[in-house]
Every structure is written in C-alpha cells, then in structure tokens.
Amino acid sequence: MTTDHISTAKGEILRKAAGKGKATAPKMAAAPRPQVQPAAASTSLPKASGIPLADILAVKDLVGRLGAGPLHTLIDAFAK
C-alpha cells in the first residue's frame, strides 16, 4: 500500500463520515410535453397573414393524438 493510496482512502472515509460522499447527478425524468394552447380565432386578420405557429402546433398535436382521419371528420363537422 502506498502513501497516496492511504491518503485517498482516508479522504474518502472522512468525506463519507461528513456526509459529503461522491454525489451522483440526479436522474432527470423525461420532460413532460408542453400543452399547446390554441390561439383564439380572430376574424380581423387578413388572409395574407398566414396561420400562426401556435395554431399549426395545435393541429400537429391533434393529428398525433387522434390521427388524420378522425381530425378530418372533426374539421368537416365544423366546416358545415
């Protein structure tokens, strides 16, 4: 046993006794997917302004959760 080994072992023992043992990084859970709040429909916007990103993301979320077919049915129901 070398003096370096003894010194290292002594330091580890003292750190553990003081409650300062090797700290491990806390495991991070997967971040929950943020809920996209659809923007309120506004009829005052000109047609050339495009579709807001929040609305596009809301539609993408709906397609992911419901599927394209049921979403088409829903859109058709509101279009009538």
Protein backbone atom coordinates (compact mmCIF):
# COMPACT_ATOMS: atom_id res chain seq x y z
CA MET A 1 0.00 0.00 0.00
CA THR A 2 1.41 3.35 -0.97
CA THR A 3 1.06 6.57 0.98
CA ASP A 4 -1.03 8.01 -1.88
CA HIS A 5 -3.45 5.09 -1.60
CA ILE A 6 -3.72 5.56 2.16
CA SER A 7 -4.29 9.29 1.76
CA THR A 8 -7.01 8.73 -0.82
CA ALA A 9 -8.75 6.08 1.32
CA LYS A 10 -8.57 8.33 4.40
CA GLY A 11 -10.08 11.24 2.45
CA GLU A 12 -12.94 9.04 1.20
CA ILE A 13 -13.66 7.79 4.72
CA LEU A 14 -13.71 11.34 6.10
CA ARG A 15 -15.97 12.60 3.29
CA LYS A 16 -18.42 9.76 3.87
CA ALA A 17 -18.41 10.44 7.60
CA ALA A 18 -19.18 14.10 6.97
CA GLY A 19 -21.96 13.19 4.55
CA LYS A 20 -20.08 14.55 1.58
CA GLY A 21 -19.56 11.31 -0.31
CA LYS A 22 -19.43 11.31 -4.06
CA ALA A 23 -22.59 12.98 -5.20
CA THR A 24 -24.29 11.43 -8.16
CA ALA A 25 -26.24 13.55 -10.54
CA PRO A 26 -29.98 13.16 -10.00
CA LYS A 27 -31.64 11.29 -12.82
CA MET A 28 -33.85 13.55 -14.82
CA ALA A 29 -37.19 12.25 -15.92
CA ALA A 30 -38.32 12.91 -19.44
CA ALA A 31 -39.69 16.41 -19.67
CA PRO A 32 -43.45 16.40 -20.00
CA ARG A 33 -44.66 17.51 -23.37
CA PRO A 34 -45.94 21.05 -23.05
CA GLN A 35 -49.59 21.53 -23.83
CA VAL A 36 -50.10 23.89 -26.72
CA GLN A 37 -52.89 26.34 -26.10
CA PRO A 38 -54.62 27.12 -29.39
CA ALA A 39 -54.71 30.78 -30.22
CA ALA A 40 -58.11 32.41 -30.22
CA ALA A 41 -59.56 32.60 -33.71
CA SER A 42 -59.54 36.13 -34.98
CA THR A 43 -61.61 37.23 -37.96
CA SER A 44 -59.88 40.61 -38.13
CA LEU A 45 -56.64 39.17 -39.55
CA PRO A 46 -56.21 39.48 -43.30
CA LYS A 47 -55.98 36.22 -45.26
CA ALA A 48 -52.41 37.02 -46.39
CA SER A 49 -51.07 36.97 -42.80
CA GLY A 50 -50.80 33.17 -42.72
CA ILE A 51 -51.51 30.73 -39.93
CA PRO A 52 -49.93 31.42 -36.53
CA LEU A 53 -47.32 28.92 -35.37
CA ALA A 54 -49.32 28.14 -32.21
CA ASP A 55 -52.25 27.02 -34.38
CA ILE A 56 -50.00 24.87 -36.55
CA LEU A 57 -48.53 23.20 -33.48
CA ALA A 58 -52.00 22.63 -32.04
CA VAL A 59 -53.09 20.88 -35.26
CA LYS A 60 -49.90 18.79 -35.26
CA ASP A 61 -50.65 17.72 -31.68
CA LEU A 62 -54.22 16.77 -32.60
CA VAL A 63 -53.05 14.74 -35.61
CA GLY A 64 -50.59 12.95 -33.34
CA ARG A 65 -53.22 12.16 -30.70
CA LEU A 66 -56.30 11.49 -32.85
CA GLY A 67 -54.93 10.59 -36.26
CA ALA A 68 -55.57 12.30 -39.59
CA GLY A 69 -58.88 10.54 -40.37
CA PRO A 70 -60.77 11.49 -37.21
CA LEU A 71 -59.34 15.01 -37.43
CA HIS A 72 -60.70 15.37 -40.99
CA THR A 73 -64.11 14.27 -39.69
CA LEU A 74 -63.93 16.86 -36.93
CA ILE A 75 -62.92 19.60 -39.34
CA ASP A 76 -65.72 18.65 -41.75
CA ALA A 77 -68.24 18.81 -38.89
CA PHE A 78 -67.20 22.39 -38.07
CA ALA A 79 -66.98 23.45 -41.71
CA LYS A 80 -70.69 22.81 -42.31
